[in-house]
Amino acid sequence: MTSLVVGVLLFACVHSIPSLAPSLKANVLTKIGEDAYKGIFSLLLLGAFGVIIVGWRSVVPEPIYLPFPALHKVALALLACAFWVMAASKRQSRLRLLIRHPMLKK
């Protein structure tokens, strides 16, 4: 679990450098150049991604939430309705008049 957390933190920190430490980025860019900066940035992200994968593979899954088995069919029916409404948002239909939803507006 530790390697998973370290990988996620490394990934977040590397992504945060351009916005939280622009002076550090500017210093590195003037010292090594843009192409080298992009290469190091990419290698750090690939390394972080590798640490995340290793950490994910080492964690034993624990169920945090177990839904009620009786609600499985209800959830599937609601999901089918959601897909139907989303499909209707791309076409001219009477459904747009009945349902006022931001996804269904022009």
PDB file of N, CA and C in Angstrom:
ATOM      1  N   MET A   1       0.826  -1.192   0.000  1.00  0.00           N
ATOM      2  CA  MET A   1       0.000   0.000   0.000  1.00  0.00           C
ATOM      3  C   MET A   1       0.869   1.254   0.000  1.00  0.00           C
ATOM      4  N   THR A   2       2.022   1.150   0.637  1.00  0.00           N
ATOM      5  CA  THR A   2       2.908   2.308   0.707  1.00  0.00           C
ATOM      6  C   THR A   2       3.393   2.716  -0.671  1.00  0.00           C
ATOM      7  N   SER A   3       3.763   1.736  -1.487  1.00  0.00           N
ATOM      8  CA  SER A   3       4.252   2.081  -2.830  1.00  0.00           C
ATOM      9  C   SER A   3       3.143   2.684  -3.693  1.00  0.00           C
ATOM     10  N   LEU A   4       1.921   2.262  -3.494  1.00  0.00           N
ATOM     11  CA  LEU A   4       0.807   2.853  -4.229  1.00  0.00           C
ATOM     12  C   LEU A   4       0.639   4.328  -3.854  1.00  0.00           C
ATOM     13  N   VAL A   5       0.679   4.624  -2.580  1.00  0.00           N
ATOM     14  CA  VAL A   5       0.543   6.008  -2.119  1.00  0.00           C
ATOM     15  C   VAL A   5       1.729   6.850  -2.585  1.00  0.00           C
ATOM     16  N   VAL A   6       2.940   6.302  -2.512  1.00  0.00           N
ATOM     17  CA  VAL A   6       4.124   7.031  -2.961  1.00  0.00           C
ATOM     18  C   VAL A   6       4.029   7.318  -4.463  1.00  0.00           C
ATOM     19  N   GLY A   7       3.574   6.343  -5.231  1.00  0.00           N
ATOM     20  CA  GLY A   7       3.423   6.545  -6.671  1.00  0.00           C
ATOM     21  C   GLY A   7       2.411   7.624  -7.003  1.00  0.00           C
ATOM     22  N   VAL A   8       1.285   7.623  -6.323  1.00  0.00           N
ATOM     23  CA  VAL A   8       0.257   8.640  -6.567  1.00  0.00           C
ATOM     24  C   VAL A   8       0.758  10.020  -6.155  1.00  0.00           C
ATOM     25  N   LEU A   9       1.455  10.090  -5.026  1.00  0.00           N
ATOM     26  CA  LEU A   9       2.005  11.378  -4.588  1.00  0.00           C
ATOM     27  C   LEU A   9       3.074  11.883  -5.552  1.00  0.00           C
ATOM     28  N   LEU A  10       3.935  10.997  -6.035  1.00  0.00           N
ATOM     29  CA  LEU A  10       4.948  11.401  -7.006  1.00  0.00           C
ATOM     30  C   LEU A  10       4.297  11.895  -8.292  1.00  0.00           C
ATOM     31  N   PHE A  11       3.284  11.182  -8.748  1.00  0.00           N
ATOM     32  CA  PHE A  11       2.553  11.581  -9.946  1.00  0.00           C
ATOM     33  C   PHE A  11       1.932  12.972  -9.762  1.00  0.00           C
ATOM     34  N   ALA A  12       1.307  13.194  -8.603  1.00  0.00           N
ATOM     35  CA  ALA A  12       0.672  14.492  -8.334  1.00  0.00           C
ATOM     36  C   ALA A  12       1.709  15.603  -8.188  1.00  0.00           C
ATOM     37  N   CYS A  13       2.808  15.304  -7.528  1.00  0.00           N
ATOM     38  CA  CYS A  13       3.847  16.330  -7.339  1.00  0.00           C
ATOM     39  C   CYS A  13       4.475  16.739  -8.663  1.00  0.00           C
ATOM     40  N   VAL A  14       4.765  15.776  -9.511  1.00  0.00           N
ATOM     41  CA  VAL A  14       5.366  16.106 -10.806  1.00  0.00           C
ATOM     42  C   VAL A  14       4.395  16.946 -11.634  1.00  0.00           C
ATOM     43  N   HIS A  15       3.112  16.626 -11.579  1.00  0.00           N
ATOM     44  CA  HIS A  15       2.132  17.413 -12.311  1.00  0.00           C
ATOM     45  C   HIS A  15       1.936  18.801 -11.696  1.00  0.00           C
ATOM     46  N   SER A  16       2.236  18.945 -10.418  1.00  0.00           N
ATOM     47  CA  SER A  16       2.034  20.225  -9.745  1.00  0.00           C
ATOM     48  C   SER A  16       3.189  21.200  -9.947  1.00  0.00           C
ATOM     49  N   ILE A  17       4.331  20.728 -10.381  1.00  0.00           N
ATOM     50  CA  ILE A  17       5.496  21.608 -10.532  1.00  0.00           C
ATOM     51  C   ILE A  17       5.215  22.796 -11.448  1.00  0.00           C
ATOM     52  N   PRO A  18       4.643  22.623 -12.643  1.00  0.00           N
ATOM     53  CA  PRO A  18       4.425  23.788 -13.508  1.00  0.00           C
ATOM     54  C   PRO A  18       3.498  24.847 -12.906  1.00  0.00           C
ATOM     55  N   SER A  19       2.516  24.447 -12.136  1.00  0.00           N
ATOM     56  CA  SER A  19       1.572  25.435 -11.615  1.00  0.00           C
ATOM     57  C   SER A  19       1.950  25.955 -10.227  1.00  0.00           C
ATOM     58  N   LEU A  20       2.539  25.126  -9.379  1.00  0.00           N
ATOM     59  CA  LEU A  20       2.863  25.559  -8.020  1.00  0.00           C
ATOM     60  C   LEU A  20       4.271  26.117  -7.879  1.00  0.00           C
ATOM     61  N   ALA A  21       5.164  25.728  -8.767  1.00  0.00           N
ATOM     62  CA  ALA A  21       6.557  26.216  -8.695  1.00  0.00           C
ATOM     63  C   ALA A  21       7.022  26.665 -10.072  1.00  0.00           C
ATOM     64  N   PRO A  22       6.427  27.727 -10.616  1.00  0.00           N
ATOM     65  CA  PRO A  22       6.833  28.163 -11.958  1.00  0.00           C
ATOM     66  C   PRO A  22       8.279  28.659 -12.010  1.00  0.00           C
ATOM     67  N   SER A  23       8.794  29.184 -10.889  1.00  0.00           N
ATOM     68  CA  SER A  23      10.191  29.632 -10.887  1.00  0.00           C
ATOM     69  C   SER A  23      11.145  28.450 -10.988  1.00  0.00           C
ATOM     70  N   LEU A  24      10.811  27.338 -10.333  1.00  0.00           N
ATOM     71  CA  LEU A  24      11.626  26.128 -10.454  1.00  0.00           C
ATOM     72  C   LEU A  24      11.617  25.619 -11.890  1.00  0.00           C
ATOM     73  N   LYS A  25      10.464  25.621 -12.489  1.00  0.00           N
ATOM     74  CA  LYS A  25      10.364  25.188 -13.885  1.00  0.00           C
ATOM     75  C   LYS A  25      11.178  26.106 -14.791  1.00  0.00           C
ATOM     76  N   ALA A  26      11.095  27.408 -14.569  1.00  0.00           N
ATOM     77  CA  ALA A  26      11.844  28.357 -15.394  1.00  0.00           C
ATOM     78  C   ALA A  26      13.348  28.165 -15.228  1.00  0.00           C
ATOM     79  N   ASN A  27      13.798  27.931 -13.998  1.00  0.00           N
ATOM     80  CA  ASN A  27      15.219  27.693 -13.752  1.00  0.00           C
ATOM     81  C   ASN A  27      15.712  26.435 -14.459  1.00  0.00           C
ATOM     82  N   VAL A  28      14.925  25.376 -14.366  1.00  0.00           N
ATOM     83  CA  VAL A  28      15.310  24.117 -15.010  1.00  0.00           C
ATOM     84  C   VAL A  28      15.301  24.284 -16.527  1.00  0.00           C
ATOM     85  N   LEU A  29      14.324  25.008 -17.050  1.00  0.00           N
ATOM     86  CA  LEU A  29      14.260  25.230 -18.498  1.00  0.00           C
ATOM     87  C   LEU A  29      15.469  26.007 -19.008  1.00  0.00           C
ATOM     88  N   THR A  30      15.919  27.013 -18.258  1.00  0.00           N
ATOM     89  CA  THR A  30      17.086  27.776 -18.711  1.00  0.00           C
ATOM     90  C   THR A  30      18.369  26.967 -18.592  1.00  0.00           C
ATOM     91  N   LYS A  31      18.445  26.069 -17.612  1.00  0.00           N
ATOM     92  CA  LYS A  31      19.660  25.281 -17.415  1.00  0.00           C
ATOM     93  C   LYS A  31      19.795  24.139 -18.423  1.00  0.00           C
ATOM     94  N   ILE A  32      18.716  23.399 -18.635  1.00  0.00           N
ATOM     95  CA  ILE A  32      18.846  22.192 -19.469  1.00  0.00           C
ATOM     96  C   ILE A  32      18.096  22.278 -20.791  1.00  0.00           C
ATOM     97  N   GLY A  33      17.222  23.234 -20.969  1.00  0.00           N
ATOM     98  CA  GLY A  33      16.473  23.363 -22.220  1.00  0.00           C
ATOM     99  C   GLY A  33      15.118  22.691 -22.151  1.00  0.00           C
ATOM    100  N   GLU A  34      14.271  23.051 -23.112  1.00  0.00           N
ATOM    101  CA  GLU A  34      12.890  22.568 -23.099  1.00  0.00           C
ATOM    102  C   GLU A  34      12.787  21.072 -23.399  1.00  0.00           C
ATOM    103  N   ASP A  35      13.543  20.601 -24.383  1.00  0.00           N
ATOM    104  CA  ASP A  35      13.457  19.187 -24.752  1.00  0.00           C
ATOM    105  C   ASP A  35      13.913  18.277 -23.617  1.00  0.00           C
ATOM    106  N   ALA A  36      15.005  18.649 -22.956  1.00  0.00           N
ATOM    107  CA  ALA A  36      15.485  17.842 -21.835  1.00  0.00           C
ATOM    108  C   ALA A  36      14.491  17.890 -20.673  1.00  0.00           C
ATOM    109  N   TYR A  37      13.896  19.063 -20.446  1.00  0.00           N
ATOM    110  CA  TYR A  37      12.881  19.183 -19.389  1.00  0.00           C
ATOM    111  C   TYR A  37      11.705  18.258 -19.670  1.00  0.00           C
ATOM    112  N   LYS A  38      11.240  18.263 -20.915  1.00  0.00           N
ATOM    113  CA  LYS A  38      10.117  17.391 -21.276  1.00  0.00           C
ATOM    114  C   LYS A  38      10.493  15.920 -21.115  1.00  0.00           C
ATOM    115  N   GLY A  39      11.721  15.584 -21.454  1.00  0.00           N
ATOM    116  CA  GLY A  39      12.175  14.199 -21.297  1.00  0.00           C
ATOM    117  C   GLY A  39      12.224  13.778 -19.842  1.00  0.00           C
ATOM    118  N   ILE A  40      12.787  14.630 -18.982  1.00  0.00           N
ATOM    119  CA  ILE A  40      12.852  14.315 -17.558  1.00  0.00           C
ATOM    120  C   ILE A  40      11.447  14.251 -16.961  1.00  0.00           C
ATOM    121  N   PHE A  41      10.594  15.189 -17.352  1.00  0.00           N
ATOM    122  CA  PHE A  41       9.207  15.211 -16.892  1.00  0.00           C
ATOM    123  C   PHE A  41       8.511  13.893 -17.262  1.00  0.00           C
ATOM    124  N   SER A  42       8.705  13.458 -18.500  1.00  0.00           N
ATOM    125  CA  SER A  42       8.081  12.215 -18.967  1.00  0.00           C
ATOM    126  C   SER A  42       8.633  11.001 -18.235  1.00  0.00           C
ATOM    127  N   LEU A  43       9.939  10.972 -18.017  1.00  0.00           N
ATOM    128  CA  LEU A  43      10.535   9.842 -17.300  1.00  0.00           C
ATOM    129  C   LEU A  43      10.061   9.782 -15.853  1.00  0.00           C
ATOM    130  N   LEU A  44       9.948  10.935 -15.207  1.00  0.00           N
ATOM    131  CA  LEU A  44       9.422  10.952 -13.838  1.00  0.00           C
ATOM    132  C   LEU A  44       7.978  10.448 -13.790  1.00  0.00           C
ATOM    133  N   LEU A  45       7.171  10.855 -14.770  1.00  0.00           N
ATOM    134  CA  LEU A  45       5.777  10.388 -14.803  1.00  0.00           C
ATOM    135  C   LEU A  45       5.699   8.893 -15.088  1.00  0.00           C
ATOM    136  N   LEU A  46       6.539   8.410 -15.991  1.00  0.00           N
ATOM    137  CA  LEU A  46       6.560   6.966 -16.259  1.00  0.00           C
ATOM    138  C   LEU A  46       7.014   6.190 -15.030  1.00  0.00           C
ATOM    139  N   GLY A  47       8.007   6.726 -14.321  1.00  0.00           N
ATOM    140  CA  GLY A  47       8.443   6.084 -13.081  1.00  0.00           C
ATOM    141  C   GLY A  47       7.341   6.062 -12.041  1.00  0.00           C
ATOM    142  N   ALA A  48       6.639   7.186 -11.894  1.00  0.00           N
ATOM    143  CA  ALA A  48       5.520   7.247 -10.947  1.00  0.00           C
ATOM    144  C   ALA A  48       4.427   6.264 -11.343  1.00  0.00           C
ATOM    145  N   PHE A  49       4.171   6.187 -12.636  1.00  0.00           N
ATOM    146  CA  PHE A  49       3.159   5.243 -13.106  1.00  0.00           C
ATOM    147  C   PHE A  49       3.589   3.804 -12.818  1.00  0.00           C
ATOM    148  N   GLY A  50       4.878   3.510 -12.996  1.00  0.00           N
ATOM    149  CA  GLY A  50       5.395   2.177 -12.665  1.00  0.00           C
ATOM    150  C   GLY A  50       5.256   1.859 -11.194  1.00  0.00           C
ATOM    151  N   VAL A  51       5.541   2.831 -10.326  1.00  0.00           N
ATOM    152  CA  VAL A  51       5.389   2.623  -8.885  1.00  0.00           C
ATOM    153  C   VAL A  51       3.917   2.412  -8.532  1.00  0.00           C
ATOM    154  N   ILE A  52       3.020   3.130  -9.195  1.00  0.00           N
ATOM    155  CA  ILE A  52       1.581   2.942  -8.969  1.00  0.00           C
ATOM    156  C   ILE A  52       1.167   1.529  -9.354  1.00  0.00           C
ATOM    157  N   ILE A  53       1.658   1.051 -10.489  1.00  0.00           N
ATOM    158  CA  ILE A  53       1.301  -0.307 -10.932  1.00  0.00           C
ATOM    159  C   ILE A  53       1.825  -1.344  -9.954  1.00  0.00           C
ATOM    160  N   VAL A  54       3.084  -1.201  -9.522  1.00  0.00           N
ATOM    161  CA  VAL A  54       3.654  -2.148  -8.559  1.00  0.00           C
ATOM    162  C   VAL A  54       2.859  -2.105  -7.256  1.00  0.00           C
ATOM    163  N   GLY A  55       2.521  -0.911  -6.794  1.00  0.00           N
ATOM    164  CA  GLY A  55       1.740  -0.784  -5.568  1.00  0.00           C
ATOM    165  C   GLY A  55       0.352  -1.353  -5.703  1.00  0.00           C
ATOM    166  N   TRP A  56      -0.271  -1.145  -6.850  1.00  0.00           N
ATOM    167  CA  TRP A  56      -1.622  -1.662  -7.074  1.00  0.00           C
ATOM    168  C   TRP A  56      -1.618  -3.189  -7.102  1.00  0.00           C
ATOM    169  N   ARG A  57      -0.569  -3.758  -7.694  1.00  0.00           N
ATOM    170  CA  ARG A  57      -0.485  -5.223  -7.772  1.00  0.00           C
ATOM    171  C   ARG A  57      -0.221  -5.851  -6.406  1.00  0.00           C
ATOM    172  N   SER A  58       0.379  -5.095  -5.478  1.00  0.00           N
ATOM    173  CA  SER A  58       0.723  -5.665  -4.176  1.00  0.00           C
ATOM    174  C   SER A  58      -0.391  -5.522  -3.138  1.00  0.00           C
ATOM    175  N   VAL A  59      -1.402  -4.727  -3.419  1.00  0.00           N
ATOM    176  CA  VAL A  59      -2.473  -4.493  -2.450  1.00  0.00           C
ATOM    177  C   VAL A  59      -3.518  -5.601  -2.556  1.00  0.00           C
ATOM    178  N   VAL A  60      -3.917  -6.116  -1.413  1.00  0.00           N
ATOM    179  CA  VAL A  60      -4.990  -7.103  -1.362  1.00  0.00           C
ATOM    180  C   VAL A  60      -6.314  -6.342  -1.363  1.00  0.00           C
ATOM    181  N   PRO A  61      -7.208  -6.622  -2.322  1.00  0.00           N
ATOM    182  CA  PRO A  61      -8.461  -5.867  -2.384  1.00  0.00           C
ATOM    183  C   PRO A  61      -9.358  -6.138  -1.178  1.00  0.00           C
ATOM    184  N   GLU A  62      -9.941  -5.069  -0.665  1.00  0.00           N
ATOM    185  CA  GLU A  62     -10.908  -5.167   0.417  1.00  0.00           C
ATOM    186  C   GLU A  62     -12.191  -4.486  -0.019  1.00  0.00           C
ATOM    187  N   PRO A  63     -13.311  -5.170   0.083  1.00  0.00           N
ATOM    188  CA  PRO A  63     -14.568  -4.508  -0.292  1.00  0.00           C
ATOM    189  C   PRO A  63     -14.918  -3.423   0.728  1.00  0.00           C
ATOM    190  N   ILE A  64     -15.133  -2.229   0.212  1.00  0.00           N
ATOM    191  CA  ILE A  64     -15.504  -1.112   1.076  1.00  0.00           C
ATOM    192  C   ILE A  64     -17.022  -0.977   1.141  1.00  0.00           C
ATOM    193  N   TYR A  65     -17.655  -1.247   0.016  1.00  0.00           N
ATOM    194  CA  TYR A  65     -19.102  -1.092  -0.062  1.00  0.00           C
ATOM    195  C   TYR A  65     -19.668  -2.314  -0.764  1.00  0.00           C
ATOM    196  N   LEU A  66     -20.597  -2.978  -0.146  1.00  0.00           N
ATOM    197  CA  LEU A  66     -21.279  -4.109  -0.756  1.00  0.00           C
ATOM    198  C   LEU A  66     -22.744  -3.731  -0.965  1.00  0.00           C
ATOM    199  N   PRO A  67     -23.163  -3.534  -2.220  1.00  0.00           N
ATOM    200  CA  PRO A  67     -24.560  -3.152  -2.462  1.00  0.00           C
ATOM    201  C   PRO A  67     -25.504  -4.312  -2.180  1.00  0.00           C
ATOM    202  N   PHE A  68     -26.744  -3.956  -1.950  1.00  0.00           N
ATOM    203  CA  PHE A  68     -27.752  -4.983  -1.723  1.00  0.00           C
ATOM    204  C   PHE A  68     -27.996  -5.747  -3.020  1.00  0.00           C
ATOM    205  N   PRO A  69     -27.993  -7.066  -2.983  1.00  0.00           N
ATOM    206  CA  PRO A  69     -28.217  -7.837  -4.214  1.00  0.00           C
ATOM    207  C   PRO A  69     -29.577  -7.570  -4.848  1.00  0.00           C
ATOM    208  N   ALA A  70     -30.572  -7.222  -4.044  1.00  0.00           N
ATOM    209  CA  ALA A  70     -31.911  -6.970  -4.587  1.00  0.00           C
ATOM    210  C   ALA A  70     -31.947  -5.705  -5.440  1.00  0.00           C
ATOM    211  N   LEU A  71     -31.016  -4.775  -5.234  1.00  0.00           N
ATOM    212  CA  LEU A  71     -31.018  -3.515  -5.974  1.00  0.00           C
ATOM    213  C   LEU A  71     -30.216  -3.583  -7.271  1.00  0.00           C
ATOM    214  N   HIS A  72     -29.652  -4.728  -7.571  1.00  0.00           N
ATOM    215  CA  HIS A  72     -28.850  -4.854  -8.785  1.00  0.00           C
ATOM    216  C   HIS A  72     -29.694  -4.599 -10.037  1.00  0.00           C
ATOM    217  N   LYS A  73     -30.862  -5.194 -10.100  1.00  0.00           N
ATOM    218  CA  LYS A  73     -31.726  -5.007 -11.274  1.00  0.00           C
ATOM    219  C   LYS A  73     -32.260  -3.577 -11.353  1.00  0.00           C
ATOM    220  N   VAL A  74     -32.508  -2.962 -10.218  1.00  0.00           N
ATOM    221  CA  VAL A  74     -32.962  -1.569 -10.206  1.00  0.00           C
ATOM    222  C   VAL A  74     -31.861  -0.655 -10.765  1.00  0.00           C
ATOM    223  N   ALA A  75     -30.625  -0.903 -10.354  1.00  0.00           N
ATOM    224  CA  ALA A  75     -29.507  -0.104 -10.844  1.00  0.00           C
ATOM    225  C   ALA A  75     -29.329  -0.286 -12.350  1.00  0.00           C
ATOM    226  N   LEU A  76     -29.482  -1.498 -12.849  1.00  0.00           N
ATOM    227  CA  LEU A  76     -29.372  -1.741 -14.292  1.00  0.00           C
ATOM    228  C   LEU A  76     -30.488  -1.038 -15.057  1.00  0.00           C
ATOM    229  N   ALA A  77     -31.697  -1.032 -14.507  1.00  0.00           N
ATOM    230  CA  ALA A  77     -32.816  -0.343 -15.166  1.00  0.00           C
ATOM    231  C   ALA A  77     -32.578   1.168 -15.194  1.00  0.00           C
ATOM    232  N   LEU A  78     -32.081   1.726 -14.099  1.00  0.00           N
ATOM    233  CA  LEU A  78     -31.781   3.158 -14.071  1.00  0.00           C
ATOM    234  C   LEU A  78     -30.656   3.508 -15.041  1.00  0.00           C
ATOM    235  N   LEU A  79     -29.688   2.630 -15.163  1.00  0.00           N
ATOM    236  CA  LEU A  79     -28.599   2.867 -16.104  1.00  0.00           C
ATOM    237  C   LEU A  79     -29.108   2.826 -17.540  1.00  0.00           C
ATOM    238  N   ALA A  80     -30.008   1.910 -17.843  1.00  0.00           N
ATOM    239  CA  ALA A  80     -30.596   1.851 -19.180  1.00  0.00           C
ATOM    240  C   ALA A  80     -31.383   3.122 -19.483  1.00  0.00           C
ATOM    241  N   CYS A  81     -32.118   3.634 -18.486  1.00  0.00           N
ATOM    242  CA  CYS A  81     -32.847   4.899 -18.677  1.00  0.00           C
ATOM    243  C   CYS A  81     -31.882   6.059 -18.915  1.00  0.00           C
ATOM    244  N   ALA A  82     -30.777   6.067 -18.210  1.00  0.00           N
ATOM    245  CA  ALA A  82     -29.795   7.143 -18.386  1.00  0.00           C
ATOM    246  C   ALA A  82     -29.215   7.113 -19.794  1.00  0.00           C
ATOM    247  N   PHE A  83     -28.894   5.938 -20.299  1.00  0.00           N
ATOM    248  CA  PHE A  83     -28.376   5.840 -21.664  1.00  0.00           C
ATOM    249  C   PHE A  83     -29.427   6.278 -22.682  1.00  0.00           C
ATOM    250  N   TRP A  84     -30.676   5.946 -22.425  1.00  0.00           N
ATOM    251  CA  TRP A  84     -31.752   6.328 -23.336  1.00  0.00           C
ATOM    252  C   TRP A  84     -31.901   7.849 -23.376  1.00  0.00           C
ATOM    253  N   VAL A  85     -31.833   8.480 -22.213  1.00  0.00           N
ATOM    254  CA  VAL A  85     -31.953   9.939 -22.147  1.00  0.00           C
ATOM    255  C   VAL A  85     -30.749  10.595 -22.825  1.00  0.00           C
ATOM    256  N   MET A  86     -29.551  10.062 -22.627  1.00  0.00           N
ATOM    257  CA  MET A  86     -28.364  10.629 -23.259  1.00  0.00           C
ATOM    258  C   MET A  86     -28.431  10.467 -24.780  1.00  0.00           C
ATOM    259  N   ALA A  87     -28.940   9.354 -25.248  1.00  0.00           N
ATOM    260  CA  ALA A  87     -29.100   9.165 -26.696  1.00  0.00           C
ATOM    261  C   ALA A  87     -30.137  10.132 -27.254  1.00  0.00           C
ATOM    262  N   ALA A  88     -31.183  10.400 -26.477  1.00  0.00           N
ATOM    263  CA  ALA A  88     -32.218  11.329 -26.926  1.00  0.00           C
ATOM    264  C   ALA A  88     -31.696  12.760 -26.994  1.00  0.00           C
ATOM    265  N   SER A  89     -30.640  13.072 -26.269  1.00  0.00           N
ATOM    266  CA  SER A  89     -30.108  14.430 -26.284  1.00  0.00           C
ATOM    267  C   SER A  89     -29.457  14.770 -27.623  1.00  0.00           C
ATOM    268  N   LYS A  90     -29.114  13.790 -28.403  1.00  0.00           N
ATOM    269  CA  LYS A  90     -28.462  14.018 -29.692  1.00  0.00           C
ATOM    270  C   LYS A  90     -29.454  14.124 -30.848  1.00  0.00           C
ATOM    271  N   ARG A  91     -30.743  13.911 -30.592  1.00  0.00           N
ATOM    272  CA  ARG A  91     -31.749  13.920 -31.653  1.00  0.00           C
ATOM    273  C   ARG A  91     -32.880  14.872 -31.278  1.00  0.00           C
ATOM    274  N   GLN A  92     -33.658  15.254 -32.271  1.00  0.00           N
ATOM    275  CA  GLN A  92     -34.870  16.031 -32.020  1.00  0.00           C
ATOM    276  C   GLN A  92     -35.959  15.057 -31.556  1.00  0.00           C
ATOM    277  N   SER A  93     -36.498  15.281 -30.366  1.00  0.00           N
ATOM    278  CA  SER A  93     -37.527  14.380 -29.859  1.00  0.00           C
ATOM    279  C   SER A  93     -38.425  15.127 -28.879  1.00  0.00           C
ATOM    280  N   ARG A  94     -39.537  14.494 -28.541  1.00  0.00           N
ATOM    281  CA  ARG A  94     -40.457  15.078 -27.569  1.00  0.00           C
ATOM    282  C   ARG A  94     -39.908  14.965 -26.151  1.00  0.00           C
ATOM    283  N   LEU A  95     -38.932  14.107 -25.981  1.00  0.00           N
ATOM    284  CA  LEU A  95     -38.343  13.923 -24.657  1.00  0.00           C
ATOM    285  C   LEU A  95     -37.704  15.212 -24.149  1.00  0.00           C
ATOM    286  N   ARG A  96     -37.192  16.017 -25.064  1.00  0.00           N
ATOM    287  CA  ARG A  96     -36.597  17.288 -24.670  1.00  0.00           C
ATOM    288  C   ARG A  96     -37.633  18.220 -24.051  1.00  0.00           C
ATOM    289  N   LEU A  97     -38.881  18.114 -24.482  1.00  0.00           N
ATOM    290  CA  LEU A  97     -39.932  18.954 -23.924  1.00  0.00           C
ATOM    291  C   LEU A  97     -40.352  18.484 -22.536  1.00  0.00           C
ATOM    292  N   LEU A  98     -40.261  17.174 -22.287  1.00  0.00           N
ATOM    293  CA  LEU A  98     -40.706  16.620 -21.027  1.00  0.00           C
ATOM    294  C   LEU A  98     -39.651  16.730 -19.919  1.00  0.00           C
ATOM    295  N   ILE A  99     -38.410  16.551 -20.292  1.00  0.00           N
ATOM    296  CA  ILE A  99     -37.325  16.534 -19.301  1.00  0.00           C
ATOM    297  C   ILE A  99     -36.474  17.775 -19.477  1.00  0.00           C
ATOM    298  N   ARG A 100     -36.360  18.554 -18.437  1.00  0.00           N
ATOM    299  CA  ARG A 100     -35.499  19.758 -18.496  1.00  0.00           C
ATOM    300  C   ARG A 100     -34.197  19.402 -17.815  1.00  0.00           C
ATOM    301  N   HIS A 101     -33.217  19.096 -18.620  1.00  0.00           N
ATOM    302  CA  HIS A 101     -31.911  18.690 -18.130  1.00  0.00           C
ATOM    303  C   HIS A 101     -30.844  19.407 -18.961  1.00  0.00           C
ATOM    304  N   PRO A 102     -29.767  19.870 -18.360  1.00  0.00           N
ATOM    305  CA  PRO A 102     -28.740  20.600 -19.107  1.00  0.00           C
ATOM    306  C   PRO A 102     -28.154  19.811 -20.279  1.00  0.00           C
ATOM    307  N   MET A 103     -28.101  18.505 -20.155  1.00  0.00           N
ATOM    308  CA  MET A 103     -27.549  17.702 -21.246  1.00  0.00           C
ATOM    309  C   MET A 103     -28.510  17.630 -22.439  1.00  0.00           C
ATOM    310  N   LEU A 104     -29.773  17.914 -22.203  1.00  0.00           N
ATOM    311  CA  LEU A 104     -30.762  17.825 -23.282  1.00  0.00           C
ATOM    312  C   LEU A 104     -31.036  19.155 -23.938  1.00  0.00           C
ATOM    313  N   LYS A 105     -30.428  20.236 -23.440  1.00  0.00           N
ATOM    314  CA  LYS A 105     -30.656  21.541 -24.041  1.00  0.00           C
ATOM    315  C   LYS A 105     -29.768  21.718 -25.259  1.00  0.00           C
ATOM    316  N   LYS A 106     -30.210  22.567 -26.159  1.00  0.00           N
ATOM    317  CA  LYS A 106     -29.429  22.821 -27.365  1.00  0.00           C
ATOM    318  C   LYS A 106     -28.239  23.677 -27.064  1.00  0.00           C
TER     319      LYS A 106
END
